[in-house]
């Protein structure tokens, strides 16, 4: 995949571990005043300036979380940052720094890692976060990335998964299911290519859902939007593993049940038409697909008038007493279907 006969590629061994880190990170200037010392020393220094520090980390492994047969390295770098910043946004905090660690096999030349870091740099610039450290090592299993994201926020602004109360409204940002449908198109076209390399992939017309899969965005804007509306969520989580799974996480941490109304789940027109083309239920793609990176949160019932009709938020249900359980109310009926977590699980799913 990385062979380019028009130029000689650089083996990582030519630079060595420390030379590679310096080469990949030398064009990452520090932008945040809380980043006191970045890449280059034994450890970074963050000055939280009296705020609480929010920390999250994710590991992305080739063959488990991504397929380089159809995922460009620049997109992978960008997405790897975004999925971590999304976790910080889900705490209602502001992301400020990241650390990036790589385990990489010798099939990757330096130029491939430059592409990866170009995506990381683009995400850093877009979200105004600083790369302040990390590590590199060799791997016998392709590419493995670990990204740690750090955010800062005043204690009274932080939102956890554990604050929902019965009768709170369940709200989601954006629309759901698109990333999963984008993945289905990528998998379909990749399979066609593997069986016949002369066949051109049919990607035209799927732009939105492909972008939802390959280049998602973290909803760091939701915090300010809600503040402008005069709303502080009572609980919040990001949708990485599918809506059903995240509802169950909120239920577990807040000790409440939830009712989710199928007809209220926001779906993009392309998501619906692609689901129909592939004989899939678009609501099931939203419930179980994952990787949408929208925010799911609860608000007090008295905040209904502040958020109803807002173009970027959908009220999809409400919290109940814990012993009422978690249910999907089927479209066009009052049938209550128990919610189960059938979304992404790295230990159960194989690509």
Protein backbone atom coordinates (compact mmCIF):
# COMPACT_ATOMS: atom_id res chain seq x y z
CA UNK A 1 0.00 0.00 0.00
CA UNK A 2 2.88 2.33 0.73
CA UNK A 3 5.07 1.53 -2.25
CA UNK A 4 5.77 4.60 -4.37
CA UNK A 5 8.30 3.99 -7.11
CA UNK A 6 8.48 7.70 -7.94
CA UNK A 7 10.38 8.36 -4.74
CA UNK A 8 12.51 6.43 -2.31
CA UNK A 9 10.69 5.86 0.97
CA UNK A 10 12.43 6.29 4.29
CA UNK A 11 12.60 3.31 6.65
CA UNK A 12 11.87 4.20 10.28
CA UNK A 13 15.19 2.62 11.28
CA UNK A 14 16.98 5.45 9.51
CA UNK A 15 15.66 7.98 12.05
CA UNK A 16 15.45 5.79 15.17
CA UNK A 17 12.83 6.21 17.92
CA UNK A 18 13.81 9.65 19.19
CA UNK A 19 14.61 10.99 15.77
CA UNK A 20 11.21 9.81 14.56
CA UNK A 21 9.36 11.51 17.42
CA UNK A 22 11.24 14.75 16.82
CA UNK A 23 10.59 14.56 13.07
CA UNK A 24 6.86 13.94 13.46
CA UNK A 25 6.20 16.48 16.22
CA UNK A 26 8.48 19.43 15.43
CA UNK A 27 5.71 21.38 13.68
CA UNK A 28 3.20 21.26 16.54
CA UNK A 29 3.34 24.67 18.27
CA UNK A 30 1.75 25.05 21.73
CA UNK A 31 -1.38 27.22 21.68
CA UNK A 32 -2.89 26.79 25.16
CA UNK A 33 -1.56 28.80 28.10
CA UNK A 34 -2.14 25.72 30.27
CA UNK A 35 0.46 23.80 28.21
CA UNK A 36 3.56 24.83 30.14
CA UNK A 37 5.97 22.29 28.61
CA UNK A 38 5.32 20.06 25.62
CA UNK A 39 7.22 17.48 23.56
CA UNK A 40 10.96 17.16 24.15
CA UNK A 41 11.42 16.56 27.87
CA UNK A 42 10.87 13.49 30.06
CA UNK A 43 7.29 14.58 30.71
CA UNK A 44 4.95 17.41 29.80
CA UNK A 45 3.79 20.05 32.26
CA UNK A 46 0.18 21.19 32.39
CA UNK A 47 -0.87 24.10 34.57
CA UNK A 48 -4.62 23.62 35.11
CA UNK A 49 -5.06 27.18 36.41
CA UNK A 50 -7.40 26.15 39.24
CA UNK A 51 -9.64 23.94 37.07
CA UNK A 52 -10.42 20.24 37.31
CA UNK A 53 -8.45 18.01 34.92
CA UNK A 54 -10.44 15.54 32.78
CA UNK A 55 -8.41 12.67 31.28
CA UNK A 56 -9.43 9.97 28.79
CA UNK A 57 -7.60 7.48 26.59
CA UNK A 58 -8.37 5.15 23.66
CA UNK A 59 -6.43 2.43 21.88
CA UNK A 60 -7.04 1.90 18.14
CA UNK A 61 -5.69 -1.32 16.64
CA UNK A 62 -5.35 -2.17 12.96
CA UNK A 63 -7.70 -4.99 11.99
CA UNK A 64 -9.93 -4.33 15.01
CA UNK A 65 -10.83 -0.64 14.87
CA UNK A 66 -9.77 0.28 11.34
CA UNK A 67 -8.95 -1.27 7.98
CA UNK A 68 -6.17 0.43 6.03
CA UNK A 69 -7.56 -1.13 2.88
CA UNK A 70 -9.98 1.79 2.69
CA UNK A 71 -9.10 4.19 5.54
CA UNK A 72 -6.57 6.87 4.47
CA UNK A 73 -3.87 7.45 7.07
CA UNK A 74 -4.57 11.19 7.23
CA UNK A 75 -8.22 10.47 8.00
CA UNK A 76 -7.19 7.90 10.59
CA UNK A 77 -4.98 10.43 12.40
CA UNK A 78 -7.80 12.98 12.45
CA UNK A 79 -10.41 10.48 13.62
CA UNK A 80 -8.15 9.07 16.34
CA UNK A 81 -7.95 12.53 17.92
CA UNK A 82 -11.66 13.23 17.47
CA UNK A 83 -12.84 10.07 19.26
CA UNK A 84 -10.89 11.14 22.34
CA UNK A 85 -11.96 14.77 22.23
CA UNK A 86 -15.54 13.51 22.03
CA UNK A 87 -15.10 11.87 25.44
CA UNK A 88 -13.88 15.17 26.89
CA UNK A 89 -16.85 16.99 25.33
CA UNK A 90 -19.15 14.40 26.94
CA UNK A 91 -17.90 15.61 30.34
CA UNK A 92 -18.88 19.18 29.34
CA UNK A 93 -15.19 20.09 29.53
CA UNK A 94 -12.89 21.90 27.09
CA UNK A 95 -10.21 19.69 25.46
CA UNK A 96 -6.76 21.24 25.73
CA UNK A 97 -3.99 18.66 25.23
CA UNK A 98 -3.33 15.22 23.71
CA UNK A 99 -0.57 12.60 23.89
CA UNK A 100 -0.04 10.19 21.00
CA UNK A 101 1.68 6.81 21.23
CA UNK A 102 2.29 4.46 18.30
CA UNK A 103 3.34 0.86 17.91
CA UNK A 104 4.24 0.45 14.24
CA UNK A 105 5.61 -2.37 12.10
CA UNK A 106 8.47 -1.99 9.65
CA UNK A 107 6.09 -2.15 6.67
CA UNK A 108 5.29 1.52 7.38
CA UNK A 109 7.85 4.01 6.03
CA UNK A 110 8.38 7.41 7.63
CA UNK A 111 6.26 8.98 4.87
CA UNK A 112 3.21 6.93 5.96
CA UNK A 113 3.56 8.21 9.51
CA UNK A 114 3.89 11.75 8.17
CA UNK A 115 0.45 11.28 6.60
CA UNK A 116 -0.92 10.01 9.91
CA UNK A 117 0.51 12.99 11.79
CA UNK A 118 -0.82 15.40 9.17
CA UNK A 119 -4.30 14.27 10.19
CA UNK A 120 -3.42 14.58 13.88
CA UNK A 121 -2.12 18.09 13.26
CA UNK A 122 -5.26 19.07 11.35
CA UNK A 123 -7.41 17.94 14.30
CA UNK A 124 -5.19 19.78 16.78
CA UNK A 125 -5.52 22.97 14.78
CA UNK A 126 -9.29 22.63 14.29
CA UNK A 127 -10.02 21.92 17.96
CA UNK A 128 -7.25 24.15 19.36
CA UNK A 129 -5.57 21.39 21.35
CA UNK A 130 -1.84 20.89 21.91
CA UNK A 131 0.18 17.74 21.22
CA UNK A 132 2.40 17.57 24.33
CA UNK A 133 3.96 14.10 24.22
CA UNK A 134 3.69 10.39 23.51
CA UNK A 135 5.86 7.47 22.53
CA UNK A 136 6.73 5.21 19.60
CA UNK A 137 7.76 1.58 19.55
CA UNK A 138 7.92 -1.30 17.08
CA UNK A 139 5.06 -3.70 16.48
CA UNK A 140 4.66 -7.17 15.00
CA UNK A 141 0.95 -6.58 14.38
CA UNK A 142 0.66 -3.61 12.07
CA UNK A 143 -0.32 -0.24 13.51
CA UNK A 144 -1.61 0.37 17.03
CA UNK A 145 -2.38 3.89 18.26
CA UNK A 146 -3.05 5.09 21.78
CA UNK A 147 -4.24 8.65 22.29
CA UNK A 148 -4.77 10.33 25.64
CA UNK A 149 -6.83 13.51 25.72
CA UNK A 150 -6.87 16.04 28.53
CA UNK A 151 -9.52 18.65 29.20
CA UNK A 152 -10.00 21.38 31.77
CA UNK A 153 -13.16 22.79 33.32
CA UNK A 154 -14.51 24.44 36.44
CA UNK A 155 -15.87 21.83 38.83
CA UNK A 156 -19.44 23.14 38.70
CA UNK A 157 -19.51 22.86 34.88
CA UNK A 158 -18.50 19.20 34.64
CA UNK A 159 -21.30 16.77 33.73
CA UNK A 160 -21.09 13.04 34.59
CA UNK A 161 -23.16 10.04 33.55
CA UNK A 162 -24.68 9.79 37.01
CA UNK A 163 -26.94 12.85 37.38
CA UNK A 164 -30.17 11.90 35.57
CA UNK A 165 -33.43 11.84 37.56
CA UNK A 166 -36.82 10.30 36.71
CA UNK A 167 -38.80 12.53 34.31
CA UNK A 168 -35.64 14.14 32.91
CA UNK A 169 -35.80 14.53 29.13
CA UNK A 170 -33.42 12.46 26.96
CA UNK A 171 -31.84 14.57 24.21
CA UNK A 172 -29.39 13.85 21.39
CA UNK A 173 -27.38 16.17 19.15
CA UNK A 174 -27.21 15.85 15.37
CA UNK A 175 -28.39 12.68 13.62
CA UNK A 176 -27.55 9.02 14.13
CA UNK A 177 -26.76 5.88 12.14
CA UNK A 178 -24.82 7.58 9.34
CA UNK A 179 -21.37 6.35 10.40
CA UNK A 180 -22.55 2.73 10.47
CA UNK A 181 -24.11 2.99 7.01
CA UNK A 182 -20.91 4.64 5.73
CA UNK A 183 -18.97 1.66 7.05
CA UNK A 184 -21.30 -0.74 5.23
CA UNK A 185 -20.65 1.05 1.92
CA UNK A 186 -16.88 1.01 2.51
CA UNK A 187 -16.95 -2.69 3.39
CA UNK A 188 -19.08 -3.48 0.35
CA UNK A 189 -16.83 -1.65 -2.09
CA UNK A 190 -13.68 -3.05 -0.48
CA UNK A 191 -15.03 -6.59 -0.92
CA UNK A 192 -15.78 -5.88 -4.57
CA UNK A 193 -12.23 -4.54 -5.04
CA UNK A 194 -10.67 -7.60 -3.41
CA UNK A 195 -12.61 -9.93 -5.70
CA UNK A 196 -11.91 -7.79 -8.80
CA UNK A 197 -9.21 -5.08 -8.51
CA UNK A 198 -10.24 -3.69 -11.91
CA UNK A 199 -13.68 -2.69 -10.61
CA UNK A 200 -13.97 0.98 -9.70
CA UNK A 201 -15.56 1.61 -6.27
CA UNK A 202 -19.06 3.10 -6.39
CA UNK A 203 -18.82 5.88 -3.79
CA UNK A 204 -20.69 8.63 -5.59
CA UNK A 205 -23.71 9.99 -3.74
CA UNK A 206 -22.67 8.61 -0.35
CA UNK A 207 -20.52 11.61 0.70
CA UNK A 208 -22.29 12.46 3.96
CA UNK A 209 -22.30 8.97 5.45
CA UNK A 210 -18.74 8.27 4.26
CA UNK A 211 -17.59 11.43 6.01
CA UNK A 212 -19.49 10.40 9.15
CA UNK A 213 -17.38 7.21 9.16
CA UNK A 214 -14.00 8.42 7.90
CA UNK A 215 -13.88 11.97 9.28
CA UNK A 216 -16.28 12.39 12.20
CA UNK A 217 -16.30 15.52 14.33
CA UNK A 218 -16.36 15.88 18.12
CA UNK A 219 -19.30 17.92 19.35
CA UNK A 220 -17.23 20.39 21.35
CA UNK A 221 -19.67 23.09 20.22
CA UNK A 222 -22.60 21.65 22.21
CA UNK A 223 -21.25 22.97 25.50
CA UNK A 224 -21.49 26.61 24.39
CA UNK A 225 -24.81 26.11 22.61
CA UNK A 226 -26.40 24.71 25.76
CA UNK A 227 -24.89 27.50 27.83
CA UNK A 228 -26.45 30.07 25.50
CA UNK A 229 -29.81 28.31 25.93
CA UNK A 230 -29.40 28.44 29.71
CA UNK A 231 -29.27 24.64 30.05
CA UNK A 232 -26.88 22.47 32.04
CA UNK A 233 -27.34 18.74 31.33
CA UNK A 234 -28.00 16.50 34.32
CA UNK A 235 -26.04 13.64 32.72
CA UNK A 236 -24.17 13.14 29.45
CA UNK A 237 -22.29 10.59 27.32
CA UNK A 238 -20.99 10.46 23.76
CA UNK A 239 -22.39 7.97 21.25
CA UNK A 240 -19.44 5.80 20.28
CA UNK A 241 -20.96 2.32 20.63
CA UNK A 242 -24.56 2.92 19.51
CA UNK A 243 -27.51 4.75 21.06
CA UNK A 244 -28.86 1.70 22.92
CA UNK A 245 -25.54 0.98 24.60
CA UNK A 246 -25.12 4.60 25.73
CA UNK A 247 -28.67 4.80 27.10
CA UNK A 248 -27.91 1.70 29.18
CA UNK A 249 -24.70 3.33 30.47
CA UNK A 250 -26.66 6.39 31.62
CA UNK A 251 -29.25 4.11 33.20
CA UNK A 252 -26.58 2.15 35.07
CA UNK A 253 -24.74 5.20 36.36
CA UNK A 254 -27.80 7.35 37.16
CA UNK A 255 -29.95 4.51 38.52
CA UNK A 256 -32.93 5.39 36.34
CA UNK A 257 -34.75 3.68 33.48
CA UNK A 258 -35.37 5.20 30.05
CA UNK A 259 -38.04 5.18 27.38
CA UNK A 260 -36.75 5.94 23.89
CA UNK A 261 -39.25 6.67 21.10
CA UNK A 262 -38.21 5.16 17.78
CA UNK A 263 -40.02 7.84 15.75
CA UNK A 264 -38.06 10.58 17.55
CA UNK A 265 -34.59 9.22 16.69
CA UNK A 266 -33.02 11.75 14.25
CA UNK A 267 -32.02 10.18 10.92
CA UNK A 268 -30.50 11.87 7.88
CA UNK A 269 -32.25 11.30 4.53
CA UNK A 270 -29.14 9.64 3.05
CA UNK A 271 -28.89 7.35 6.08
CA UNK A 272 -32.49 6.26 5.54
CA UNK A 273 -32.18 5.75 1.78
CA UNK A 274 -28.90 3.82 2.13
CA UNK A 275 -30.40 1.62 4.84
CA UNK A 276 -33.30 0.85 2.51
CA UNK A 277 -30.85 0.04 -0.30
CA UNK A 278 -28.98 -2.38 1.97
CA UNK A 279 -32.17 -3.86 3.48
CA UNK A 280 -31.32 -2.52 6.93
CA UNK A 281 -33.54 -0.81 9.49
CA UNK A 282 -32.16 2.75 9.88
CA UNK A 283 -33.36 2.96 13.49
CA UNK A 284 -31.43 -0.22 14.28
CA UNK A 285 -28.34 1.34 12.67
CA UNK A 286 -28.75 4.29 15.05
CA UNK A 287 -29.40 2.07 18.08
CA UNK A 288 -26.62 -0.45 17.48
CA UNK A 289 -24.23 0.96 14.87
CA UNK A 290 -22.00 3.32 16.81
CA UNK A 291 -19.28 5.81 15.85
CA UNK A 292 -21.65 8.76 15.43
CA UNK A 293 -19.85 10.74 18.19
CA UNK A 294 -22.94 12.81 18.89
CA UNK A 295 -23.76 13.71 22.50
CA UNK A 296 -26.59 12.05 24.41
CA UNK A 297 -27.72 13.91 27.51
CA UNK A 298 -30.55 14.47 29.94
CA UNK A 299 -32.05 17.80 30.95
CA UNK A 300 -34.52 18.82 33.64
CA UNK A 301 -38.19 18.81 32.49
CA UNK A 302 -38.43 22.57 33.12
CA UNK A 303 -35.83 23.14 30.38
CA UNK A 304 -38.18 21.69 27.72
CA UNK A 305 -39.22 25.10 26.35
CA UNK A 306 -35.58 26.19 26.01
CA UNK A 307 -34.61 23.31 23.72
CA UNK A 308 -37.78 22.20 21.91
CA UNK A 309 -37.59 22.98 18.20
CA UNK A 310 -33.84 23.62 18.23
CA UNK A 311 -32.49 22.42 14.84
CA UNK A 312 -29.51 20.58 16.32
CA UNK A 313 -31.21 18.76 19.20
CA UNK A 314 -33.87 16.06 19.32
CA UNK A 315 -35.82 15.04 22.41
CA UNK A 316 -36.00 11.28 21.97
CA UNK A 317 -37.37 10.07 25.30
CA UNK A 318 -37.35 10.49 29.04
CA UNK A 319 -36.05 8.93 32.24
CA UNK A 320 -38.26 6.75 34.45
CA UNK A 321 -37.84 4.92 37.73
CA UNK A 322 -35.07 2.32 37.58
CA UNK A 323 -37.39 -0.63 38.10
CA UNK A 324 -39.37 0.39 34.99
CA UNK A 325 -36.38 -0.75 32.92
CA UNK A 326 -35.13 0.56 29.55
CA UNK A 327 -37.41 0.30 26.54
CA UNK A 328 -37.78 1.37 22.93
CA UNK A 329 -41.30 2.49 22.06
CA UNK A 330 -41.80 1.14 18.53
CA UNK A 331 -42.80 3.51 15.74
CA UNK A 332 -46.55 3.72 15.13
CA UNK A 333 -47.49 1.67 18.19
CA UNK A 334 -47.19 1.57 21.95
CA UNK A 335 -45.20 -1.66 21.84
CA UNK A 336 -42.38 -1.55 24.40
CA UNK A 337 -39.24 -3.40 23.30
CA UNK A 338 -36.52 -3.95 25.93
CA UNK A 339 -33.34 -2.07 25.02
CA UNK A 340 -30.28 -4.29 24.70
CA UNK A 341 -26.68 -3.29 23.98
CA UNK A 342 -25.90 -4.83 20.59
CA UNK A 343 -23.44 -2.15 19.55
CA UNK A 344 -19.71 -2.19 19.08
CA UNK A 345 -17.62 -4.30 21.45
CA UNK A 346 -13.97 -4.81 20.52
CA UNK A 347 -13.91 -8.20 22.23
CA UNK A 348 -17.00 -9.51 20.45
CA UNK A 349 -16.81 -8.01 16.97
CA UNK A 350 -14.33 -8.85 14.26
CA UNK A 351 -14.05 -6.97 10.98
